[in-house]
Amino acid sequence: MKYFLIFCSIIILIISPFFGQIELTFSNIFDTSKMEYQIFWELRLPRTILAFFVGAILALSGLVFQTTFRNPMSSPFTLGVASGATLFTAIAIILGLSSFISFFAFLGSLATIIILFMIASRFHSSETSSLLLVGIALSFFYSASLMVLFFISNLEESYEIVRFTMGSLDIVGFKDLYLVVVAGLFILFIVKYFQNSIKLLLVSNQFAHLKGCNVKRTNYILLISVSIVVGICVSITGPIGFVGLIVPHIVKTITQKSADKLIGAIFFYGGVFLVFCDLVARNLGTNSDIPIGVVTSFLGAPFFIYLILKRKKQ
């Protein structure tokens, strides 16, 4: 099963740049005089790499959230972190500060995490579901604030915000990729560095503390790191929901291993999952690509309901 999944994943990654509204032939992508050359190297390949690293970042961020807040339904999307980054990005658009979008997105995600962490410190370990409700409430608040921004913005700004909130992997060239690739490698390094601490935190905060882990410091470093990389992703692609919720659970279910042993696998399959979703979005026979956030939401919403029903049975 393991090798079959790896094989299928590699196939998806290889074929993804070749499929879309315009069919490409392998021989023409190396001929600079052909249009296929531009499409492959300037559009399709950068988009596939972007999808892989954004998916990997969101999946690994979901693992961090589920470990830190001790709630299997936690993710940057369900806890309102992505919504906070989206709201602050919309503020940057309206203020005409498009060059500072990444900074504003980081501020939005960081502010949300600080609020969540302050509230989580008041809960007992058995009250993790209450934190999820707080995240939902924050998402509603951010949505209402976004509606206010729509009301005060002009037509051009409103259109830009609407397109942004749907999530998009449209990219030209490799210029914006470098930041996402660095962010992906950064969060992978941070989570791997704290792998032993995550193993202890999966048992309980008290157990981790007794084993010599500085729980507060570890949580702060992990959550701030997540806020940075999620802010970067949202500023470039817009909000893409449910990746951080779906992938960690699927990987843990298939492998039957503890999450601390699946850091690399969750990173890899998170990337493959979003590349697959993008492949679907680009090949539905429509006049334009379906926003990637729509595809992941169609897949993620039923899975979210499944997790709630599963928890209820337990």
C-alpha atoms as a PDB file:
ATOM      1  CA  MET A   1       0.000   0.000   0.000  1.00  0.00           C
ATOM      2  CA  LYS A   2       2.820   2.382   0.959  1.00  0.00           C
ATOM      3  CA  TYR A   3       4.713   1.916  -2.300  1.00  0.00           C
ATOM      4  CA  PHE A   4       1.526   2.064  -4.345  1.00  0.00           C
ATOM      5  CA  LEU A   5       0.697   5.488  -2.822  1.00  0.00           C
ATOM      6  CA  ILE A   6       4.208   6.742  -3.485  1.00  0.00           C
ATOM      7  CA  PHE A   7       4.005   5.524  -7.080  1.00  0.00           C
ATOM      8  CA  CYS A   8       0.617   7.208  -7.648  1.00  0.00           C
ATOM      9  CA  SER A   9       1.864  10.413  -6.023  1.00  0.00           C
ATOM     10  CA  ILE A  10       4.906  10.578  -8.281  1.00  0.00           C
ATOM     11  CA  ILE A  11       2.696   9.995 -11.338  1.00  0.00           C
ATOM     12  CA  ILE A  12       0.412  12.877 -10.279  1.00  0.00           C
ATOM     13  CA  LEU A  13       3.380  15.204  -9.815  1.00  0.00           C
ATOM     14  CA  ILE A  14       4.839  14.279 -13.214  1.00  0.00           C
ATOM     15  CA  ILE A  15       1.674  14.555 -15.304  1.00  0.00           C
ATOM     16  CA  SER A  16       0.214  17.644 -13.586  1.00  0.00           C
ATOM     17  CA  PRO A  17       2.068  20.278 -15.707  1.00  0.00           C
ATOM     18  CA  PHE A  18       0.981  18.573 -18.941  1.00  0.00           C
ATOM     19  CA  PHE A  19      -2.792  18.693 -18.439  1.00  0.00           C
ATOM     20  CA  GLY A  20      -5.060  21.730 -18.760  1.00  0.00           C
ATOM     21  CA  GLN A  21      -7.141  23.649 -21.265  1.00  0.00           C
ATOM     22  CA  ILE A  22      -4.255  23.488 -23.735  1.00  0.00           C
ATOM     23  CA  GLU A  23      -2.700  20.089 -24.371  1.00  0.00           C
ATOM     24  CA  LEU A  24       1.094  19.914 -24.332  1.00  0.00           C
ATOM     25  CA  THR A  25       3.442  17.502 -26.071  1.00  0.00           C
ATOM     26  CA  PHE A  26       6.728  16.525 -24.433  1.00  0.00           C
ATOM     27  CA  SER A  27       8.881  17.389 -27.443  1.00  0.00           C
ATOM     28  CA  ASN A  28       7.521  20.936 -27.781  1.00  0.00           C
ATOM     29  CA  ILE A  29       8.219  22.021 -24.195  1.00  0.00           C
ATOM     30  CA  PHE A  30      11.926  22.212 -25.006  1.00  0.00           C
ATOM     31  CA  ASP A  31      11.444  24.178 -28.247  1.00  0.00           C
ATOM     32  CA  THR A  32      11.716  27.900 -27.400  1.00  0.00           C
ATOM     33  CA  SER A  33       9.896  28.841 -30.604  1.00  0.00           C
ATOM     34  CA  LYS A  34       6.745  26.998 -29.560  1.00  0.00           C
ATOM     35  CA  MET A  35       3.938  28.366 -27.398  1.00  0.00           C
ATOM     36  CA  GLU A  36       4.020  25.126 -25.396  1.00  0.00           C
ATOM     37  CA  TYR A  37       7.463  26.107 -24.117  1.00  0.00           C
ATOM     38  CA  GLN A  38       6.108  29.296 -22.525  1.00  0.00           C
ATOM     39  CA  ILE A  39       3.020  27.562 -21.153  1.00  0.00           C
ATOM     40  CA  PHE A  40       5.019  24.771 -19.537  1.00  0.00           C
ATOM     41  CA  TRP A  41       7.946  26.731 -18.058  1.00  0.00           C
ATOM     42  CA  GLU A  42       6.183  29.992 -17.207  1.00  0.00           C
ATOM     43  CA  LEU A  43       2.714  28.752 -16.161  1.00  0.00           C
ATOM     44  CA  ARG A  44       2.233  25.031 -15.592  1.00  0.00           C
ATOM     45  CA  LEU A  45       5.504  24.047 -13.882  1.00  0.00           C
ATOM     46  CA  PRO A  46       5.590  27.037 -11.468  1.00  0.00           C
ATOM     47  CA  ARG A  47       1.923  26.386 -10.649  1.00  0.00           C
ATOM     48  CA  THR A  48       2.577  22.724  -9.843  1.00  0.00           C
ATOM     49  CA  ILE A  49       5.526  23.585  -7.605  1.00  0.00           C
ATOM     50  CA  LEU A  50       3.475  26.292  -5.886  1.00  0.00           C
ATOM     51  CA  ALA A  51       0.607  23.846  -5.306  1.00  0.00           C
ATOM     52  CA  PHE A  52       2.970  21.256  -3.851  1.00  0.00           C
ATOM     53  CA  PHE A  53       4.640  23.564  -1.326  1.00  0.00           C
ATOM     54  CA  VAL A  54       1.436  25.360  -0.316  1.00  0.00           C
ATOM     55  CA  GLY A  55      -0.283  22.011   0.242  1.00  0.00           C
ATOM     56  CA  ALA A  56       2.710  20.738   2.200  1.00  0.00           C
ATOM     57  CA  ILE A  57       2.767  23.854   4.385  1.00  0.00           C
ATOM     58  CA  LEU A  58      -0.968  23.723   5.118  1.00  0.00           C
ATOM     59  CA  ALA A  59      -0.872  19.993   5.918  1.00  0.00           C
ATOM     60  CA  LEU A  60       2.072  20.349   8.301  1.00  0.00           C
ATOM     61  CA  SER A  61       0.454  23.417   9.876  1.00  0.00           C
ATOM     62  CA  GLY A  62      -2.657  21.311  10.488  1.00  0.00           C
ATOM     63  CA  LEU A  63      -0.532  18.743  12.313  1.00  0.00           C
ATOM     64  CA  VAL A  64       0.961  21.486  14.510  1.00  0.00           C
ATOM     65  CA  PHE A  65      -2.490  22.880  15.340  1.00  0.00           C
ATOM     66  CA  GLN A  66      -3.934  19.451  16.166  1.00  0.00           C
ATOM     67  CA  THR A  67      -0.967  18.719  18.438  1.00  0.00           C
ATOM     68  CA  THR A  68      -0.740  22.106  20.148  1.00  0.00           C
ATOM     69  CA  PHE A  69      -4.445  22.575  20.793  1.00  0.00           C
ATOM     70  CA  ARG A  70      -5.051  18.827  21.274  1.00  0.00           C
ATOM     71  CA  ASN A  71      -8.045  18.835  18.954  1.00  0.00           C
ATOM     72  CA  PRO A  72      -8.253  16.575  15.857  1.00  0.00           C
ATOM     73  CA  MET A  73     -10.474  19.117  14.085  1.00  0.00           C
ATOM     74  CA  SER A  74      -8.012  21.998  14.418  1.00  0.00           C
ATOM     75  CA  SER A  75      -6.427  23.530  11.330  1.00  0.00           C
ATOM     76  CA  PRO A  76      -5.470  27.020  10.102  1.00  0.00           C
ATOM     77  CA  PHE A  77      -8.870  27.139   8.369  1.00  0.00           C
ATOM     78  CA  THR A  78     -11.202  25.831  11.083  1.00  0.00           C
ATOM     79  CA  LEU A  79      -9.598  27.947  13.820  1.00  0.00           C
ATOM     80  CA  GLY A  80      -9.866  31.177  11.841  1.00  0.00           C
ATOM     81  CA  VAL A  81      -6.159  31.741  11.222  1.00  0.00           C
ATOM     82  CA  ALA A  82      -6.545  31.733   7.438  1.00  0.00           C
ATOM     83  CA  SER A  83      -9.601  33.996   7.789  1.00  0.00           C
ATOM     84  CA  GLY A  84      -7.587  36.454   9.866  1.00  0.00           C
ATOM     85  CA  ALA A  85      -4.839  36.524   7.256  1.00  0.00           C
ATOM     86  CA  THR A  86      -7.466  37.036   4.533  1.00  0.00           C
ATOM     87  CA  LEU A  87      -9.067  39.963   6.368  1.00  0.00           C
ATOM     88  CA  PHE A  88      -5.756  41.736   6.897  1.00  0.00           C
ATOM     89  CA  THR A  89      -4.826  41.120   3.263  1.00  0.00           C
ATOM     90  CA  ALA A  90      -8.109  42.749   2.182  1.00  0.00           C
ATOM     91  CA  ILE A  91      -7.244  45.714   4.419  1.00  0.00           C
ATOM     92  CA  ALA A  92      -3.899  46.013   2.631  1.00  0.00           C
ATOM     93  CA  ILE A  93      -5.679  45.979  -0.765  1.00  0.00           C
ATOM     94  CA  ILE A  94      -8.089  48.751   0.255  1.00  0.00           C
ATOM     95  CA  LEU A  95      -5.284  50.856   1.737  1.00  0.00           C
ATOM     96  CA  GLY A  96      -3.352  50.540  -1.520  1.00  0.00           C
ATOM     97  CA  LEU A  97      -0.520  48.683   0.201  1.00  0.00           C
ATOM     98  CA  SER A  98      -0.353  45.732  -2.172  1.00  0.00           C
ATOM     99  CA  SER A  99       3.426  45.537  -1.783  1.00  0.00           C
ATOM    100  CA  PHE A 100       2.927  44.802   1.937  1.00  0.00           C
ATOM    101  CA  ILE A 101       0.329  42.046   1.496  1.00  0.00           C
ATOM    102  CA  SER A 102       2.638  39.343   2.916  1.00  0.00           C
ATOM    103  CA  PHE A 103       3.285  41.433   6.020  1.00  0.00           C
ATOM    104  CA  PHE A 104      -0.414  42.144   6.582  1.00  0.00           C
ATOM    105  CA  ALA A 105      -1.303  38.463   6.073  1.00  0.00           C
ATOM    106  CA  PHE A 106       1.302  37.491   8.660  1.00  0.00           C
ATOM    107  CA  LEU A 107      -0.105  40.050  11.105  1.00  0.00           C
ATOM    108  CA  GLY A 108      -3.619  38.659  10.633  1.00  0.00           C
ATOM    109  CA  SER A 109      -2.580  35.059  11.216  1.00  0.00           C
ATOM    110  CA  LEU A 110      -0.344  35.982  14.174  1.00  0.00           C
ATOM    111  CA  ALA A 111      -3.078  38.085  15.825  1.00  0.00           C
ATOM    112  CA  THR A 112      -5.525  35.186  15.530  1.00  0.00           C
ATOM    113  CA  ILE A 113      -3.060  32.706  17.011  1.00  0.00           C
ATOM    114  CA  ILE A 114      -2.368  35.043  19.937  1.00  0.00           C
ATOM    115  CA  ILE A 115      -6.103  35.310  20.618  1.00  0.00           C
ATOM    116  CA  LEU A 116      -6.529  31.540  20.395  1.00  0.00           C
ATOM    117  CA  PHE A 117      -3.547  30.869  22.622  1.00  0.00           C
ATOM    118  CA  MET A 118      -4.738  33.327  25.261  1.00  0.00           C
ATOM    119  CA  ILE A 119      -8.176  31.714  25.281  1.00  0.00           C
ATOM    120  CA  ALA A 120      -6.767  28.161  25.216  1.00  0.00           C
ATOM    121  CA  SER A 121      -4.776  28.879  28.382  1.00  0.00           C
ATOM    122  CA  ARG A 122      -8.113  29.313  30.222  1.00  0.00           C
ATOM    123  CA  PHE A 123      -9.436  25.910  29.161  1.00  0.00           C
ATOM    124  CA  HIS A 124      -8.816  22.533  30.710  1.00  0.00           C
ATOM    125  CA  SER A 125      -7.298  19.863  28.496  1.00  0.00           C
ATOM    126  CA  SER A 126     -10.744  18.264  28.178  1.00  0.00           C
ATOM    127  CA  GLU A 127     -12.301  21.414  26.723  1.00  0.00           C
ATOM    128  CA  THR A 128     -10.654  21.343  23.299  1.00  0.00           C
ATOM    129  CA  SER A 129     -14.025  21.453  21.544  1.00  0.00           C
ATOM    130  CA  SER A 130     -14.624  24.876  23.132  1.00  0.00           C
ATOM    131  CA  LEU A 131     -11.547  26.191  21.347  1.00  0.00           C
ATOM    132  CA  LEU A 132     -12.972  25.027  18.029  1.00  0.00           C
ATOM    133  CA  LEU A 133     -16.121  27.026  18.755  1.00  0.00           C
ATOM    134  CA  VAL A 134     -13.960  30.077  19.495  1.00  0.00           C
ATOM    135  CA  GLY A 135     -12.246  29.609  16.128  1.00  0.00           C
ATOM    136  CA  ILE A 136     -15.597  29.416  14.378  1.00  0.00           C
ATOM    137  CA  ALA A 137     -16.744  32.567  16.191  1.00  0.00           C
ATOM    138  CA  LEU A 138     -13.562  34.375  15.086  1.00  0.00           C
ATOM    139  CA  SER A 139     -14.191  33.252  11.504  1.00  0.00           C
ATOM    140  CA  PHE A 140     -17.700  34.738  11.630  1.00  0.00           C
ATOM    141  CA  PHE A 141     -16.292  37.970  13.047  1.00  0.00           C
ATOM    142  CA  TYR A 142     -13.670  38.154  10.303  1.00  0.00           C
ATOM    143  CA  SER A 143     -16.333  37.430   7.669  1.00  0.00           C
ATOM    144  CA  ALA A 144     -18.499  40.269   9.006  1.00  0.00           C
ATOM    145  CA  SER A 145     -15.490  42.603   8.962  1.00  0.00           C
ATOM    146  CA  LEU A 146     -14.784  41.530   5.390  1.00  0.00           C
ATOM    147  CA  MET A 147     -18.359  42.452   4.435  1.00  0.00           C
ATOM    148  CA  VAL A 148     -17.764  45.936   5.862  1.00  0.00           C
ATOM    149  CA  LEU A 149     -14.660  46.237   3.695  1.00  0.00           C
ATOM    150  CA  PHE A 150     -16.704  45.212   0.654  1.00  0.00           C
ATOM    151  CA  PHE A 151     -19.183  47.955   1.476  1.00  0.00           C
ATOM    152  CA  ILE A 152     -16.571  50.722   1.699  1.00  0.00           C
ATOM    153  CA  SER A 153     -14.408  49.555  -1.217  1.00  0.00           C
ATOM    154  CA  ASN A 154     -14.782  50.540  -4.856  1.00  0.00           C
ATOM    155  CA  LEU A 155     -15.666  48.109  -7.662  1.00  0.00           C
ATOM    156  CA  GLU A 156     -12.076  47.299  -8.584  1.00  0.00           C
ATOM    157  CA  GLU A 157     -11.050  46.644  -4.979  1.00  0.00           C
ATOM    158  CA  SER A 158     -14.150  44.505  -4.358  1.00  0.00           C
ATOM    159  CA  TYR A 159     -13.441  42.365  -7.409  1.00  0.00           C
ATOM    160  CA  GLU A 160      -9.817  41.891  -6.327  1.00  0.00           C
ATOM    161  CA  ILE A 161     -10.887  40.851  -2.823  1.00  0.00           C
ATOM    162  CA  VAL A 162     -13.554  38.426  -4.118  1.00  0.00           C
ATOM    163  CA  ARG A 163     -11.102  36.733  -6.462  1.00  0.00           C
ATOM    164  CA  PHE A 164      -8.568  36.589  -3.658  1.00  0.00           C
ATOM    165  CA  THR A 165     -10.939  34.949  -1.153  1.00  0.00           C
ATOM    166  CA  MET A 166     -11.692  32.082  -3.572  1.00  0.00           C
ATOM    167  CA  GLY A 167      -8.080  30.947  -3.530  1.00  0.00           C
ATOM    168  CA  SER A 168      -5.982  30.731  -6.668  1.00  0.00           C
ATOM    169  CA  LEU A 169      -2.732  29.127  -7.787  1.00  0.00           C
ATOM    170  CA  ASP A 170      -2.356  31.381 -10.824  1.00  0.00           C
ATOM    171  CA  ILE A 171       1.293  32.328 -11.094  1.00  0.00           C
ATOM    172  CA  VAL A 172       3.642  33.474 -13.856  1.00  0.00           C
ATOM    173  CA  GLY A 173       7.286  32.505 -13.633  1.00  0.00           C
ATOM    174  CA  PHE A 174       9.281  31.467 -10.584  1.00  0.00           C
ATOM    175  CA  LYS A 175       9.590  34.879  -8.913  1.00  0.00           C
ATOM    176  CA  ASP A 176       6.954  34.352  -6.190  1.00  0.00           C
ATOM    177  CA  LEU A 177       7.900  30.712  -5.740  1.00  0.00           C
ATOM    178  CA  TYR A 178      11.138  31.282  -3.882  1.00  0.00           C
ATOM    179  CA  LEU A 179       9.411  32.696  -0.804  1.00  0.00           C
ATOM    180  CA  VAL A 180       6.945  29.789  -0.634  1.00  0.00           C
ATOM    181  CA  VAL A 181       9.686  27.176  -1.116  1.00  0.00           C
ATOM    182  CA  VAL A 182      11.788  28.759   1.647  1.00  0.00           C
ATOM    183  CA  ALA A 183       8.688  28.926   3.884  1.00  0.00           C
ATOM    184  CA  GLY A 184       7.966  25.238   3.228  1.00  0.00           C
ATOM    185  CA  LEU A 185      11.509  24.137   4.023  1.00  0.00           C
ATOM    186  CA  PHE A 186      11.502  26.401   7.093  1.00  0.00           C
ATOM    187  CA  ILE A 187       8.353  24.898   8.642  1.00  0.00           C
ATOM    188  CA  LEU A 188       9.560  21.377   7.808  1.00  0.00           C
ATOM    189  CA  PHE A 189      12.857  22.077   9.615  1.00  0.00           C
ATOM    190  CA  ILE A 190      11.096  23.606  12.648  1.00  0.00           C
ATOM    191  CA  VAL A 191       8.634  20.721  13.041  1.00  0.00           C
ATOM    192  CA  LYS A 192      11.380  18.105  12.567  1.00  0.00           C
ATOM    193  CA  TYR A 193      13.532  19.936  15.120  1.00  0.00           C
ATOM    194  CA  PHE A 194      10.728  19.706  17.689  1.00  0.00           C
ATOM    195  CA  GLN A 195       9.797  16.141  16.727  1.00  0.00           C
ATOM    196  CA  ASN A 196      10.589  14.697  20.163  1.00  0.00           C
ATOM    197  CA  SER A 197       8.640  17.484  21.884  1.00  0.00           C
ATOM    198  CA  ILE A 198       5.653  16.829  19.603  1.00  0.00           C
ATOM    199  CA  LYS A 199       5.809  13.143  20.562  1.00  0.00           C
ATOM    200  CA  LEU A 200       5.528  14.129  24.252  1.00  0.00           C
ATOM    201  CA  LEU A 201       2.807  16.715  23.590  1.00  0.00           C
ATOM    202  CA  LEU A 202       0.707  14.062  21.859  1.00  0.00           C
ATOM    203  CA  VAL A 203       0.387  12.329  25.237  1.00  0.00           C
ATOM    204  CA  SER A 204      -0.401  15.441  27.292  1.00  0.00           C
ATOM    205  CA  ASN A 205       1.078  18.799  28.250  1.00  0.00           C
ATOM    206  CA  GLN A 206       1.632  17.549  31.792  1.00  0.00           C
ATOM    207  CA  PHE A 207       3.510  14.482  30.559  1.00  0.00           C
ATOM    208  CA  ALA A 208       5.674  16.633  28.277  1.00  0.00           C
ATOM    209  CA  HIS A 209       6.453  18.970  31.184  1.00  0.00           C
ATOM    210  CA  LEU A 210       7.455  16.067  33.435  1.00  0.00           C
ATOM    211  CA  LYS A 211       9.785  14.794  30.711  1.00  0.00           C
ATOM    212  CA  GLY A 212      11.626  18.114  30.673  1.00  0.00           C
ATOM    213  CA  CYS A 213       9.915  19.759  27.696  1.00  0.00           C
ATOM    214  CA  ASN A 214       9.355  23.494  27.952  1.00  0.00           C
ATOM    215  CA  VAL A 215       5.740  23.264  26.801  1.00  0.00           C
ATOM    216  CA  LYS A 216       5.029  26.992  26.661  1.00  0.00           C
ATOM    217  CA  ARG A 217       8.202  27.809  24.714  1.00  0.00           C
ATOM    218  CA  THR A 218       7.644  24.929  22.288  1.00  0.00           C
ATOM    219  CA  ASN A 219       4.036  25.923  21.628  1.00  0.00           C
ATOM    220  CA  TYR A 220       4.992  29.551  21.072  1.00  0.00           C
ATOM    221  CA  ILE A 221       7.746  28.697  18.592  1.00  0.00           C
ATOM    222  CA  LEU A 222       5.571  26.243  16.667  1.00  0.00           C
ATOM    223  CA  LEU A 223       2.551  28.568  16.504  1.00  0.00           C
ATOM    224  CA  ILE A 224       4.536  31.665  15.537  1.00  0.00           C
ATOM    225  CA  SER A 225       6.315  29.648  12.835  1.00  0.00           C
ATOM    226  CA  VAL A 226       2.945  28.446  11.536  1.00  0.00           C
ATOM    227  CA  SER A 227       1.568  31.992  11.521  1.00  0.00           C
ATOM    228  CA  ILE A 228       4.515  33.127   9.398  1.00  0.00           C
ATOM    229  CA  VAL A 229       4.208  30.421   6.746  1.00  0.00           C
ATOM    230  CA  VAL A 230       0.394  30.462   6.633  1.00  0.00           C
ATOM    231  CA  GLY A 231       0.515  34.244   6.240  1.00  0.00           C
ATOM    232  CA  ILE A 232       2.936  33.857   3.335  1.00  0.00           C
ATOM    233  CA  CYS A 233       0.726  31.239   1.653  1.00  0.00           C
ATOM    234  CA  VAL A 234      -2.478  33.251   2.068  1.00  0.00           C
ATOM    235  CA  SER A 235      -0.846  36.411   0.746  1.00  0.00           C
ATOM    236  CA  ILE A 236       0.102  34.602  -2.497  1.00  0.00           C
ATOM    237  CA  THR A 237      -2.707  32.098  -3.070  1.00  0.00           C
ATOM    238  CA  GLY A 238      -5.578  33.377  -0.938  1.00  0.00           C
ATOM    239  CA  PRO A 239      -7.314  31.105   1.604  1.00  0.00           C
ATOM    240  CA  ILE A 240      -7.278  27.411   0.698  1.00  0.00           C
ATOM    241  CA  GLY A 241      -9.328  25.510   3.221  1.00  0.00           C
ATOM    242  CA  PHE A 242      -9.362  22.022   4.707  1.00  0.00           C
ATOM    243  CA  VAL A 243      -5.945  20.796   3.464  1.00  0.00           C
ATOM    244  CA  GLY A 244      -4.558  20.971   7.006  1.00  0.00           C
ATOM    245  CA  LEU A 245      -7.604  19.104   8.276  1.00  0.00           C
ATOM    246  CA  ILE A 246      -7.815  16.299   5.729  1.00  0.00           C
ATOM    247  CA  VAL A 247      -4.239  15.247   5.025  1.00  0.00           C
ATOM    248  CA  PRO A 248      -2.917  14.548   8.578  1.00  0.00           C
ATOM    249  CA  HIS A 249      -5.930  12.348   9.335  1.00  0.00           C
ATOM    250  CA  ILE A 250      -5.737  10.444   6.049  1.00  0.00           C
ATOM    251  CA  VAL A 251      -2.008   9.794   6.422  1.00  0.00           C
ATOM    252  CA  LYS A 252      -2.407   8.661  10.052  1.00  0.00           C
ATOM    253  CA  THR A 253      -5.324   6.394   9.110  1.00  0.00           C
ATOM    254  CA  ILE A 254      -3.463   4.732   6.231  1.00  0.00           C
ATOM    255  CA  THR A 255      -0.108   4.291   7.978  1.00  0.00           C
ATOM    256  CA  GLN A 256      -1.435   3.592  11.499  1.00  0.00           C
ATOM    257  CA  LYS A 257       1.531   5.433  12.998  1.00  0.00           C
ATOM    258  CA  SER A 258       1.916   8.205  15.550  1.00  0.00           C
ATOM    259  CA  ALA A 259       1.858  11.729  14.090  1.00  0.00           C
ATOM    260  CA  ASP A 260       5.417  12.498  15.247  1.00  0.00           C
ATOM    261  CA  LYS A 261       6.683   9.748  12.921  1.00  0.00           C
ATOM    262  CA  LEU A 262       4.744  11.095   9.944  1.00  0.00           C
ATOM    263  CA  ILE A 263       6.112  14.627   9.627  1.00  0.00           C
ATOM    264  CA  GLY A 264       7.835  13.989   6.297  1.00  0.00           C
ATOM    265  CA  ALA A 265       4.906  11.923   4.981  1.00  0.00           C
ATOM    266  CA  ILE A 266       2.332  14.579   5.896  1.00  0.00           C
ATOM    267  CA  PHE A 267       4.491  17.254   4.239  1.00  0.00           C
ATOM    268  CA  PHE A 268       4.824  15.182   1.051  1.00  0.00           C
ATOM    269  CA  TYR A 269       1.221  13.993   0.762  1.00  0.00           C
ATOM    270  CA  GLY A 270      -0.101  17.456   1.621  1.00  0.00           C
ATOM    271  CA  GLY A 271       1.734  18.740  -1.436  1.00  0.00           C
ATOM    272  CA  VAL A 272       0.502  15.873  -3.611  1.00  0.00           C
ATOM    273  CA  PHE A 273      -3.086  16.388  -2.416  1.00  0.00           C
ATOM    274  CA  LEU A 274      -3.172  20.045  -3.475  1.00  0.00           C
ATOM    275  CA  VAL A 275      -1.475  19.247  -6.802  1.00  0.00           C
ATOM    276  CA  PHE A 276      -4.218  16.659  -7.397  1.00  0.00           C
ATOM    277  CA  CYS A 277      -6.939  19.186  -6.484  1.00  0.00           C
ATOM    278  CA  ASP A 278      -5.377  21.697  -8.870  1.00  0.00           C
ATOM    279  CA  LEU A 279      -5.271  19.044 -11.583  1.00  0.00           C
ATOM    280  CA  VAL A 280      -9.007  18.513 -11.099  1.00  0.00           C
ATOM    281  CA  ALA A 281      -9.691  22.270 -11.068  1.00  0.00           C
ATOM    282  CA  ARG A 282      -7.906  22.727 -14.407  1.00  0.00           C
ATOM    283  CA  ASN A 283      -9.541  19.821 -16.219  1.00  0.00           C
ATOM    284  CA  LEU A 284     -13.295  20.090 -15.659  1.00  0.00           C
ATOM    285  CA  GLY A 285     -13.987  21.364 -19.174  1.00  0.00           C
ATOM    286  CA  THR A 286     -15.005  24.872 -18.044  1.00  0.00           C
ATOM    287  CA  ASN A 287     -14.045  28.090 -19.828  1.00  0.00           C
ATOM    288  CA  SER A 288     -11.724  29.016 -16.956  1.00  0.00           C
ATOM    289  CA  ASP A 289     -10.060  27.208 -14.067  1.00  0.00           C
ATOM    290  CA  ILE A 290     -12.205  26.492 -11.008  1.00  0.00           C
ATOM    291  CA  PRO A 291     -10.745  28.330  -7.961  1.00  0.00           C
ATOM    292  CA  ILE A 292      -8.685  25.847  -5.971  1.00  0.00           C
ATOM    293  CA  GLY A 293     -10.344  26.892  -2.710  1.00  0.00           C
ATOM    294  CA  VAL A 294     -13.691  25.715  -4.097  1.00  0.00           C
ATOM    295  CA  VAL A 295     -12.327  22.246  -4.915  1.00  0.00           C
ATOM    296  CA  THR A 296     -10.704  21.714  -1.505  1.00  0.00           C
ATOM    297  CA  SER A 297     -13.863  22.919   0.252  1.00  0.00           C
ATOM    298  CA  PHE A 298     -15.993  20.433  -1.703  1.00  0.00           C
ATOM    299  CA  LEU A 299     -13.693  17.655  -0.510  1.00  0.00           C
ATOM    300  CA  GLY A 300     -13.059  19.006   2.978  1.00  0.00           C
ATOM    301  CA  ALA A 301     -16.553  19.890   4.172  1.00  0.00           C
ATOM    302  CA  PRO A 302     -17.907  16.295   4.039  1.00  0.00           C
ATOM    303  CA  PHE A 303     -14.716  15.061   5.704  1.00  0.00           C
ATOM    304  CA  PHE A 304     -15.158  17.631   8.481  1.00  0.00           C
ATOM    305  CA  ILE A 305     -18.706  16.331   9.090  1.00  0.00           C
ATOM    306  CA  TYR A 306     -17.331  12.780   9.150  1.00  0.00           C
ATOM    307  CA  LEU A 307     -14.832  13.724  11.874  1.00  0.00           C
ATOM    308  CA  ILE A 308     -17.587  15.294  13.982  1.00  0.00           C
ATOM    309  CA  LEU A 309     -19.746  12.150  13.679  1.00  0.00           C
ATOM    310  CA  LYS A 310     -16.761   9.950  14.469  1.00  0.00           C
ATOM    311  CA  ARG A 311     -15.988  11.940  17.627  1.00  0.00           C
ATOM    312  CA  LYS A 312     -19.646  11.721  18.669  1.00  0.00           C
ATOM    313  CA  LYS A 313     -19.565   7.896  18.439  1.00  0.00           C
ATOM    314  CA  GLN A 314     -16.412   7.826  20.563  1.00  0.00           C
END
